[in-house]
Protein backbone atom coordinates (compact mmCIF):
# COMPACT_ATOMS: atom_id res chain seq x y z
CA MET A 1 91.04 30.21 114.26
CA LYS A 2 91.80 33.13 111.96
CA LEU A 3 95.35 33.17 110.76
CA TYR A 4 97.21 36.32 111.57
CA LYS A 5 98.23 37.35 108.10
CA LEU A 6 99.83 40.73 108.84
CA LEU A 7 103.37 40.12 107.75
CA ALA A 8 103.04 36.57 109.16
CA ALA A 9 106.18 35.26 107.69
CA PHE A 10 108.32 38.02 109.12
CA VAL A 11 110.42 37.95 112.19
CA VAL A 12 108.77 40.34 114.61
CA GLY A 13 111.68 41.98 116.40
CA ALA A 14 109.72 44.68 118.14
CA VAL A 15 106.99 44.86 120.82
CA LEU A 16 104.80 47.70 121.95
CA THR A 17 105.71 49.08 125.35
CA SER A 18 104.05 51.89 127.23
CA CYS A 19 105.49 55.19 126.27
CA GLY A 20 104.19 57.11 129.32
CA ASP A 21 105.33 60.67 129.40
CA GLU A 22 107.96 60.05 126.66
CA PHE A 23 105.68 59.55 123.73
CA LEU A 24 108.27 60.88 121.25
CA THR A 25 111.09 58.76 122.67
CA ALA A 26 112.40 56.25 120.08
CA HIS A 27 112.60 53.26 122.45
CA ALA A 28 115.36 50.71 122.18
CA THR A 29 112.80 47.93 121.63
CA HIS A 30 112.05 49.30 118.14
CA GLN A 31 115.00 51.39 117.12
CA GLY A 32 118.30 50.31 115.61
CA GLU A 33 121.48 52.30 115.73
CA ALA A 34 121.02 55.45 113.61
CA GLY A 35 122.68 55.02 110.19
CA ALA A 36 123.38 51.26 110.70
CA GLU A 37 123.15 49.02 107.73
CA ALA A 38 119.73 47.24 107.62
CA THR A 39 119.09 43.83 106.08
CA GLU A 40 115.75 42.86 104.68
CA SER A 41 114.90 40.96 107.90
CA ALA A 42 115.55 44.00 109.95
CA ILE A 43 113.44 46.20 107.67
CA LEU A 44 110.54 43.79 107.97
CA SER A 45 110.75 43.84 111.76
CA TYR A 46 110.59 47.59 111.69
CA LEU A 47 107.71 47.55 109.27
CA THR A 48 105.83 44.99 111.30
CA ALA A 49 106.14 47.22 114.40
CA THR A 50 104.73 50.13 112.40
CA TYR A 51 101.55 48.11 111.52
CA GLN A 52 101.04 46.99 115.13
CA PRO A 53 99.41 50.23 116.41
CA LEU A 54 96.48 49.57 114.09
CA LEU A 55 95.58 46.73 116.49
CA MET A 56 95.99 48.75 119.71
CA ASP A 57 93.76 51.87 119.68
CA SER A 58 90.74 50.31 121.37
CA TYR A 59 92.62 50.25 124.61
CA ALA A 60 95.41 52.84 123.85
CA ASN A 61 97.86 53.28 126.79
CA TYR A 62 94.95 51.97 129.01
CA ASN A 63 92.47 54.51 127.60
CA TYR A 64 89.36 53.66 125.63
CA ASN A 65 90.39 55.73 122.62
CA HIS A 66 89.17 53.70 119.73
CA ILE A 67 89.51 55.92 116.61
CA LEU A 68 86.11 55.07 115.13
CA LEU A 69 84.28 55.79 118.35
CA LEU A 70 86.40 59.00 118.99
CA SER A 71 85.52 60.10 115.47
CA ASP A 72 81.74 59.48 115.83
CA LEU A 73 81.36 60.80 119.46
CA ARG A 74 80.85 64.39 118.45
CA SER A 75 78.47 63.60 115.55
CA ASP A 76 74.70 63.54 115.38
CA ASP A 77 74.54 59.76 114.95
CA ILE A 78 75.19 58.56 118.46
CA TYR A 79 75.13 59.58 122.15
CA LYS A 80 77.90 58.86 124.67
CA GLY A 81 75.93 56.31 126.66
CA GLY A 82 77.57 54.03 129.22
CA GLY A 83 76.57 53.67 132.89
CA ASP A 84 75.84 57.34 133.59
CA ALA A 85 77.22 60.77 132.76
CA GLY A 86 80.17 60.17 134.94
CA ASP A 87 81.11 56.80 133.42
CA GLN A 88 84.09 57.77 131.24
CA SER A 89 83.05 61.39 131.87
CA TRP A 90 85.63 62.65 129.42
CA MET A 91 83.59 61.09 126.61
CA TYR A 92 80.44 62.86 127.81
CA HIS A 93 82.22 66.25 127.93
CA MET A 94 83.70 65.57 124.55
CA SER A 95 80.29 64.81 123.02
CA LEU A 96 79.09 68.16 124.39
CA PHE A 97 82.08 70.11 123.14
CA GLN A 98 83.06 70.83 126.71
CA ILE A 99 86.18 68.69 127.20
CA PRO A 100 89.02 70.26 129.15
CA ALA A 101 92.68 69.64 128.28
CA SER A 102 92.93 67.50 131.43
CA GLU A 103 90.54 64.96 129.92
CA SER A 104 91.56 65.13 126.27
CA PRO A 105 92.23 61.57 124.86
CA SER A 106 95.93 61.08 125.60
CA GLY A 107 95.90 57.46 124.81
CA ILE A 108 95.47 57.91 121.00
CA TRP A 109 98.04 60.71 121.19
CA SER A 110 100.64 58.40 122.71
CA LEU A 111 99.91 55.40 120.55
CA TYR A 112 99.99 57.29 117.19
CA TYR A 113 103.17 59.21 118.07
CA THR A 114 104.68 55.75 118.92
CA ALA A 115 103.52 54.68 115.52
CA ILE A 116 105.10 57.64 113.74
CA ALA A 117 108.35 57.03 115.54
CA ARG A 118 108.16 53.43 114.31
CA ALA A 119 107.45 54.48 110.78
CA ASN A 120 110.52 56.84 110.97
CA ASN A 121 112.71 53.99 112.06
CA THR A 122 111.45 51.89 109.11
CA VAL A 123 112.22 54.64 106.58
CA MET A 124 115.65 55.14 108.17
CA ALA A 125 116.32 51.44 107.87
CA ILE A 126 115.26 51.41 104.28
CA ASP A 127 117.62 54.36 103.64
CA ASN A 128 120.43 52.18 104.89
CA ALA A 129 119.34 48.94 103.30
CA VAL A 130 122.04 46.36 102.26
CA GLY A 131 121.54 43.34 100.07
CA PHE A 132 119.00 44.70 97.65
CA ASP A 133 120.99 44.39 94.48
CA SER A 134 118.74 42.77 91.97
CA ASP A 135 115.81 44.57 90.26
CA ALA A 136 113.42 42.36 92.04
CA ALA A 137 114.93 43.24 95.46
CA LYS A 138 114.93 46.90 94.64
CA ALA A 139 111.22 46.64 93.78
CA ARG A 140 110.49 45.00 97.15
CA LEU A 141 112.47 47.73 98.93
CA ALA A 142 110.42 50.45 97.15
CA GLY A 143 107.32 48.61 98.25
CA TYR A 144 108.38 48.66 101.89
CA ARG A 145 109.03 52.39 101.55
CA ALA A 146 105.64 52.99 100.15
CA GLU A 147 104.01 51.01 103.09
CA ALA A 148 106.03 52.91 105.68
CA LEU A 149 105.19 56.31 104.26
CA PHE A 150 101.51 55.41 103.91
CA LEU A 151 101.37 54.33 107.59
CA ARG A 152 103.14 57.42 108.81
CA ALA A 153 100.68 59.58 106.78
CA TYR A 154 97.78 57.47 108.05
CA TYR A 155 98.67 57.92 111.76
CA LEU A 156 99.46 61.64 111.34
CA HIS A 157 96.24 62.41 109.50
CA HIS A 158 94.30 61.21 112.54
CA LEU A 159 96.27 63.32 114.97
CA TRP A 160 95.87 66.22 112.61
CA LYS A 161 92.14 65.89 112.45
CA LEU A 162 91.79 65.48 116.16
CA PHE A 163 94.28 68.08 117.40
CA GLY A 164 95.25 70.28 114.51
CA ASN A 165 98.31 72.02 115.65
CA ILE A 166 100.79 69.24 116.64
CA PRO A 167 104.43 68.29 116.75
CA PHE A 168 105.91 66.33 113.97
CA PHE A 169 109.24 64.63 113.40
CA THR A 170 110.89 62.42 110.76
CA GLU A 171 114.09 61.37 112.46
CA PRO A 172 114.92 59.82 115.83
CA LEU A 173 114.90 62.43 118.53
CA GLU A 174 117.60 63.30 121.00
CA ASP A 175 117.24 64.57 124.57
CA PRO A 176 114.84 66.17 125.53
CA PHE A 177 112.91 63.87 123.06
CA MET A 178 110.60 66.58 121.74
CA ALA A 179 109.71 68.08 118.45
CA PRO A 180 108.60 71.55 117.43
CA GLN A 181 104.80 72.20 117.11
CA LYS A 182 103.55 72.82 113.56
CA SER A 183 100.31 74.55 112.42
CA ALA A 184 97.48 72.42 111.02
CA ASP A 185 98.24 73.66 107.53
CA GLU A 186 101.88 72.73 107.91
CA ILE A 187 100.89 69.21 109.09
CA TYR A 188 98.63 68.96 105.99
CA ASN A 189 101.68 69.65 103.81
CA TYR A 190 103.73 67.01 105.66
CA ILE A 191 100.95 64.40 105.15
CA MET A 192 100.71 65.24 101.39
CA GLN A 193 104.47 64.98 101.04
CA ASP A 194 104.51 61.53 102.50
CA ILE A 195 101.59 60.57 100.20
CA LYS A 196 103.40 61.99 97.13
CA ASP A 197 106.63 60.20 98.17
CA ALA A 198 104.70 56.96 98.70
CA GLU A 199 103.24 57.22 95.27
CA THR A 200 106.69 57.70 93.81
CA ALA A 201 107.90 54.60 95.65
CA ALA A 202 104.81 52.66 94.49
CA GLY A 203 105.69 53.45 90.92
CA MET A 204 109.19 51.94 91.49
CA ALA A 205 107.69 48.99 93.31
CA GLY A 206 105.21 47.89 90.63
CA SER A 207 103.53 44.63 91.60
CA GLU A 208 105.29 44.78 94.98
CA PHE A 209 102.86 47.55 95.94
CA PRO A 210 99.68 46.72 93.95
CA LEU A 211 96.40 48.36 93.71
CA TYR A 212 94.64 45.35 95.04
CA THR A 213 95.85 42.84 97.63
CA ASN A 214 92.86 40.87 98.89
CA GLY A 215 93.16 37.13 98.61
CA SER A 216 96.92 37.36 98.55
CA ALA A 217 99.65 36.97 101.14
CA LYS A 218 99.69 40.81 101.40
CA GLN A 219 95.95 41.31 101.98
CA ALA A 220 96.46 42.83 105.52
CA ARG A 221 98.94 45.26 104.17
CA ALA A 222 98.61 48.69 102.54
CA ASN A 223 98.15 48.89 98.82
CA LEU A 224 97.90 51.65 96.18
CA ALA A 225 94.11 51.96 96.49
CA ALA A 226 94.48 52.50 100.25
CA LEU A 227 97.05 55.23 99.55
CA TYR A 228 94.57 56.83 97.07
CA MET A 229 91.82 56.67 99.60
CA LEU A 230 93.93 58.26 102.28
CA LYS A 231 94.82 61.11 99.88
CA ALA A 232 91.07 61.57 99.10
CA ARG A 233 90.23 61.85 102.80
CA VAL A 234 92.97 64.38 103.52
CA VAL A 235 92.55 66.53 100.49
CA MET A 236 88.76 66.61 100.78
CA TYR A 237 88.98 67.42 104.51
CA GLN A 238 91.36 70.24 103.89
CA ASN A 239 89.05 71.38 100.93
CA ASP A 240 92.21 71.71 98.77
CA GLN A 241 90.42 72.22 95.48
CA SER A 242 93.68 72.40 93.60
CA LYS A 243 93.98 68.58 94.08
CA PHE A 244 90.31 67.57 93.60
CA SER A 245 90.80 66.69 89.94
CA GLU A 246 93.80 64.49 90.82
CA VAL A 247 91.89 62.69 93.51
CA ALA A 248 88.87 62.23 91.11
CA SER A 249 91.16 60.45 88.72
CA ASN A 250 92.56 58.30 91.49
CA MET A 251 89.07 57.27 92.42
CA ALA A 252 88.29 56.53 88.73
CA GLU A 253 91.44 54.30 88.54
CA ILE A 254 90.17 52.24 91.53
CA ILE A 255 86.69 51.95 89.94
CA ASN A 256 88.00 51.09 86.49
CA SER A 257 90.40 48.44 87.88
CA GLY A 258 87.53 45.99 88.40
CA SER A 259 89.33 44.77 91.48
CA TYR A 260 86.74 46.09 93.95
CA ARG A 261 82.96 45.82 94.13
CA LEU A 262 80.02 46.30 96.44
CA ILE A 263 78.93 43.17 98.21
CA ASP A 264 75.86 42.29 100.34
CA PHE A 265 75.82 44.84 103.08
CA ASP A 266 75.28 42.47 105.92
CA ALA A 267 78.17 40.31 104.73
CA LEU A 268 80.57 43.16 105.53
CA TRP A 269 79.93 43.13 109.23
CA THR A 270 79.58 39.50 110.63
CA GLY A 271 83.17 39.56 111.98
CA ALA A 272 83.54 35.97 110.73
CA ASP A 273 86.74 34.90 108.95
CA ALA A 274 84.83 34.45 105.64
CA ASN A 275 83.92 38.11 105.69
CA ASP A 276 87.40 39.48 106.22
CA PHE A 277 89.11 41.10 103.24
CA THR A 278 86.05 41.10 100.96
CA PRO A 279 86.06 42.54 97.52
CA GLU A 280 84.70 45.81 99.00
CA SER A 281 87.39 46.21 101.60
CA ILE A 282 90.31 48.37 100.49
CA PHE A 283 92.26 48.38 103.78
CA GLU A 284 91.38 46.84 107.14
CA SER A 285 93.16 46.05 110.45
CA ASN A 286 93.36 42.31 111.06
CA GLN A 287 92.28 41.69 114.63
CA ILE A 288 92.35 38.18 116.32
CA SER A 289 91.20 37.11 119.74
CA ASP A 290 94.52 35.80 121.02
CA GLY A 291 93.54 36.50 124.59
CA LYS A 292 96.73 38.39 125.41
CA ARG A 293 95.20 41.85 126.03
CA ASP A 294 94.21 42.25 129.68
CA TRP A 295 93.27 45.08 132.04
CA GLY A 296 96.90 45.35 133.06
CA ASN A 297 98.37 44.67 129.73
CA ALA A 298 97.10 47.13 127.05
CA TRP A 299 100.27 46.96 124.88
CA SER A 300 100.08 43.49 123.48
CA GLY A 301 97.54 41.25 121.88
CA CYS A 302 95.58 41.65 118.63
CA GLY A 303 91.91 41.83 119.63
CA THR A 304 89.65 44.86 119.97
CA ASN A 305 87.21 45.89 122.68
CA LEU A 306 85.09 48.09 120.47
CA PRO A 307 82.35 45.27 120.17
CA ALA A 308 81.94 45.07 124.00
CA TYR A 309 82.11 48.81 124.23
CA ILE A 310 79.10 49.56 121.97
CA SER A 311 76.84 46.65 122.78
CA PRO A 312 73.92 46.85 125.27
CA ASN A 313 74.41 45.89 128.82
CA GLU A 314 73.01 42.53 130.15
CA LEU A 315 71.71 41.62 126.63
CA SER A 316 69.69 38.48 126.17
CA ASP A 317 69.86 37.50 122.49
CA ALA A 318 70.68 34.49 120.37
CA VAL A 319 73.16 36.18 118.10
CA PHE A 320 74.56 39.20 119.98
CA CYS A 321 76.05 39.42 123.46
CA GLY A 322 76.09 42.04 126.05
CA GLY A 323 78.68 44.79 126.66
CA TRP A 324 78.91 48.21 128.17
CA GLY A 325 76.24 50.20 126.40
CA PHE A 326 78.38 53.11 125.09
CA GLY A 327 77.57 54.89 121.87
CA PRO A 328 73.84 54.28 121.60
CA VAL A 329 72.40 55.29 118.23
CA ARG A 330 69.94 58.20 118.19
CA GLN A 331 66.38 57.77 117.14
CA ALA A 332 66.79 60.33 114.34
CA THR A 333 69.58 58.15 112.82
CA TRP A 334 67.18 55.27 112.67
CA ASP A 335 64.42 57.45 111.28
CA MET A 336 66.51 58.92 108.51
CA TYR A 337 66.45 55.72 106.44
CA GLU A 338 63.83 55.14 103.75
CA ASP A 339 61.59 52.15 103.99
CA GLY A 340 63.33 49.18 102.54
CA ASP A 341 66.87 50.46 102.96
CA VAL A 342 68.88 47.45 104.02
CA ARG A 343 71.43 49.68 105.60
CA ARG A 344 69.19 50.54 108.57
CA GLU A 345 69.02 47.02 109.94
CA GLY A 346 72.57 46.36 108.66
CA SER A 347 73.89 49.32 110.69
CA ILE A 348 71.71 49.44 113.75
CA ASN A 349 70.44 46.84 116.24
CA LYS A 350 66.99 47.51 117.68
CA PHE A 351 66.39 45.66 120.94
CA GLU A 352 63.08 45.42 122.78
CA ASP A 353 62.63 46.56 126.32
CA GLY A 354 63.30 43.72 128.81
CA THR A 355 66.02 42.15 126.60
CA TYR A 356 68.89 44.30 127.96
CA GLY A 357 69.68 46.65 130.79
CA PRO A 358 69.00 50.25 129.88
CA ARG A 359 71.84 52.67 130.59
CA PHE A 360 72.57 56.39 130.23
CA GLN A 361 70.98 58.10 127.11
CA ASN A 362 69.20 54.87 126.21
CA THR A 363 67.31 54.72 122.95
CA GLY A 364 67.01 50.96 122.48
CA LEU A 365 69.20 51.33 119.28
CA PHE A 366 72.78 50.20 119.19
CA GLN A 367 75.64 50.12 116.73
CA LYS A 368 75.54 46.79 114.78
CA LYS A 369 78.46 46.78 112.45
CA TYR A 370 81.07 46.00 115.08
CA ALA A 371 78.70 44.68 117.64
CA ALA A 372 79.67 41.92 120.07
CA ARG A 373 78.54 38.54 118.69
CA THR A 374 78.26 35.37 120.82
CA ALA A 375 79.98 33.31 118.15
CA LEU A 376 83.06 35.63 118.29
CA ARG A 377 83.65 35.67 122.07
CA SER A 378 87.34 34.89 122.87
CA PRO A 379 87.65 31.41 124.39
CA ILE A 380 90.71 32.62 126.32
CA GLY A 381 91.71 35.69 128.24
CA THR A 382 89.65 38.74 129.02
CA VAL A 383 86.69 38.41 126.71
CA ASP A 384 85.61 42.08 126.43
CA LEU A 385 89.23 43.18 125.27
CA ASN A 386 89.83 40.47 122.69
CA TYR A 387 87.15 40.35 119.97
CA PRO A 388 88.33 39.42 116.48
CA ASN A 389 86.22 41.84 114.48
CA ASN A 390 88.37 43.21 111.62
CA LEU A 391 88.09 46.92 111.32
CA ILE A 392 87.46 48.15 107.75
CA LEU A 393 89.36 51.47 107.40
CA PHE A 394 88.66 52.10 103.75
CA ARG A 395 85.98 50.46 101.51
CA TYR A 396 84.82 50.82 97.99
CA ALA A 397 81.58 52.52 98.87
CA GLU A 398 83.56 55.52 99.90
CA THR A 399 85.40 55.43 96.55
CA LEU A 400 82.16 55.70 94.66
CA LEU A 401 80.73 58.49 96.88
CA ASN A 402 84.00 60.40 96.74
CA TYR A 403 83.93 60.37 92.91
CA ALA A 404 80.24 61.24 92.88
CA GLU A 405 80.90 64.36 95.03
CA LEU A 406 84.14 65.46 93.32
CA VAL A 407 82.80 65.12 89.78
CA GLY A 408 79.05 65.46 90.12
CA LEU A 409 79.03 68.26 92.65
CA GLN A 410 82.45 69.92 92.89
CA GLY A 411 82.61 70.57 89.19
CA ASN A 412 85.67 68.44 88.19
CA ALA A 413 85.78 66.82 84.84
CA PRO A 414 84.82 63.18 84.56
CA ALA A 415 87.71 60.80 84.62
CA GLY A 416 88.17 57.41 82.95
CA GLY A 417 84.70 57.46 81.53
CA VAL A 418 83.14 56.99 84.96
CA SER A 419 79.66 58.48 85.57
CA ALA A 420 79.09 60.32 88.87
CA GLN A 421 75.42 59.61 88.74
CA ASP A 422 76.11 55.84 88.20
CA CYS A 423 78.39 55.84 91.31
CA LEU A 424 75.51 57.14 93.44
CA ASP A 425 73.04 54.66 91.76
CA GLN A 426 75.34 51.76 92.74
CA ILE A 427 75.20 52.73 96.36
CA ARG A 428 71.47 53.02 96.13
CA THR A 429 70.93 49.80 94.35
CA ARG A 430 72.96 47.85 96.88
CA ALA A 431 70.77 49.42 99.54
CA GLY A 432 67.66 48.13 97.81
CA LEU A 433 66.52 51.56 96.59
CA GLY A 434 65.82 53.34 93.32
CA SER A 435 67.89 56.09 91.61
CA ILE A 436 67.74 59.69 92.89
CA PRO A 437 69.24 62.81 91.37
CA LEU A 438 72.81 63.61 92.40
CA THR A 439 72.40 66.69 94.51
CA TRP A 440 74.19 67.99 97.58
CA GLU A 441 71.31 67.17 99.80
CA ASN A 442 71.12 63.61 98.46
CA LEU A 443 74.88 63.00 98.51
CA LYS A 444 75.20 64.21 102.08
CA ALA A 445 72.36 61.96 103.08
CA GLU A 446 73.71 58.87 101.35
CA ARG A 447 77.12 59.35 102.99
CA ARG A 448 75.51 59.52 106.40
CA LYS A 449 73.30 56.52 105.79
CA GLU A 450 76.16 54.48 104.48
CA PHE A 451 78.84 55.11 107.12
CA VAL A 452 77.02 55.01 110.48
CA GLY A 453 79.48 53.78 113.05
CA GLU A 454 82.51 54.04 110.82
CA GLY A 455 83.91 57.42 112.07
CA MET A 456 83.05 59.50 109.03
CA ARG A 457 80.06 61.76 109.94
CA PHE A 458 81.69 64.33 112.18
CA TRP A 459 84.51 65.02 109.71
CA ASP A 460 82.05 65.33 106.80
CA LEU A 461 80.06 67.89 108.72
CA ILE A 462 83.33 69.90 109.38
CA ARG A 463 84.48 69.88 105.83
CA TRP A 464 81.09 70.80 104.41
CA GLY A 465 80.72 73.69 106.88
CA ASP A 466 77.55 72.10 108.35
CA ALA A 467 78.73 71.40 111.81
CA GLN A 468 77.51 74.45 113.64
CA THR A 469 73.99 74.07 112.31
CA VAL A 470 73.64 70.37 112.64
CA LEU A 471 75.46 69.72 115.91
CA THR A 472 74.05 72.59 118.02
CA GLU A 473 71.14 71.18 119.90
CA ARG A 474 68.96 71.10 122.98
CA ASP A 475 68.01 67.48 123.63
CA ASP A 476 66.98 67.62 127.26
CA ALA A 477 65.52 64.14 127.12
CA HIS A 478 68.92 62.68 126.63
CA GLN A 479 70.91 65.35 128.42
CA SER A 480 72.57 66.41 125.28
CA VAL A 481 72.49 70.17 125.25
CA ARG A 482 75.43 71.65 123.24
CA THR A 483 76.62 74.42 120.99
CA PHE A 484 79.22 73.86 118.33
CA ASP A 485 81.67 76.80 118.07
CA PRO A 486 83.52 76.67 114.83
CA SER A 487 86.34 78.81 116.15
CA LYS A 488 87.08 76.14 118.87
CA ASP A 489 85.40 72.79 118.41
CA LYS A 490 86.96 71.68 115.21
CA TYR A 491 89.93 70.43 117.29
CA LEU A 492 90.19 68.86 120.75
CA PRO A 493 92.52 70.38 123.28
CA ILE A 494 96.07 69.11 123.34
CA PRO A 495 96.28 66.79 126.38
CA GLN A 496 97.27 68.70 129.51
CA SER A 497 99.93 66.07 130.22
CA GLU A 498 101.80 67.11 127.03
CA MET A 499 101.27 70.80 127.75
CA SER A 500 102.81 70.36 131.26
CA ARG A 501 105.63 68.17 129.94
CA THR A 502 106.78 70.76 127.42
CA ALA A 503 106.28 73.88 129.55
CA GLY A 504 109.39 76.05 129.71
CA THR A 505 111.28 74.12 126.96
CA GLY A 506 111.57 77.09 124.57
CA GLU A 507 111.03 75.99 121.07
CA PHE A 508 109.41 72.79 122.14
CA GLU A 509 106.75 74.30 124.43
CA LEU A 510 103.33 73.43 123.04
CA ARG A 511 100.75 76.11 122.49
CA GLN A 512 97.12 75.11 123.43
CA ASN A 513 94.52 75.19 120.73
CA PRO A 514 92.31 78.26 120.78
CA GLY A 515 89.37 78.32 123.30
CA TYR A 516 90.89 75.89 125.74
């Protein structure tokens, strides 16, 4: 069985509990007395609790709000699928840009705000630390701060991309346990401040917050490369050109470190222990099938239900097992690959008629990277909720393509002697293909081919300004008729439950996003 290495030696003094309507409440289970002195053991408990939500989003607050699937659902790579249009109808409406506030994914909202509250508690504990007198202890404390700030920025950046104009808070809240809403641009600034402060802390931490952690006791924890990758995603999504050169230098630092490299594409996605924390993985969530998550217990356990969710129903296959048939891959996604591109069969399973039960929007094509595999079925508990597939949140291929775009196409000066064309060539070589010129058309195509099923495509289309053209379609055969409205569809509506809860509270009353 895979060992759970996420802060494994630490005393876990916090558990996730359902937040219900009080998503901003700092619950007693994971909050110490404000201003109280905090020992290293207490700080590690807080930090452990802050990592835990990485393991929970596939069944967030009893909602199927997995962040990768949520991010891809509005793209041109997959359909909604499932039993029929009414099976998880909110997903269908979301895929068509027709989701009402009453169906907006509240599970991820609740979970990530719980995570932010936990990060706040960790930072507060670090501010009141005792017993860190030696230089080595001070370096450890700075490393804990860098981790907590990274995690807060990571969770916040997802809420920012999904909902745009959202509340934010950095201290424990008092009655009525609410925080003022901020504009999307203000949220961007908060994320960047946390990233900046985390970099400062990393500089003080030295080897306690290294660039590379794979193969060490810290391999499931955030590192400096993950912090750089988060900065790249946020800055590039915001199109903040004033920081492009800085981000390009960060990418060059990762590349020149020699710590990361591309590996065999198939080896990234088997879900087996031997393929966890590979040299290509920069940051991943460490799932295990401990059998604790159940239909009536969404807030404990360390497995994921994403594999069951995206696998075909009633499948008969020697390697892969059946699931629920959500997120079928579009035929155009299969067709976009060149002959010989190993990423096609590495990203997409193609099953023949008669080997599975066709469901809504069936194409015969299914996501492979996190597919349910017979060898990984949990021997205990509810199988579909407890797969052990680690989720790779940042990987080196994105580093290379970020650099290629920033330097080769956005006009930033080369950094560290790294060639933008060579970065693209490395991606193509690993795919089994030859070199092509670094152009916008080619770069966009390579990013799409590389990251199918990894929650990247929709956000890329948004930041490039391509969403309206690419995502507006009339696909009657698959009941996918939709029009992307750039004035509305960049963001989801704020969940109606939160709108209702804050109504009439003055400065805390949430304003709905435009168009909903």
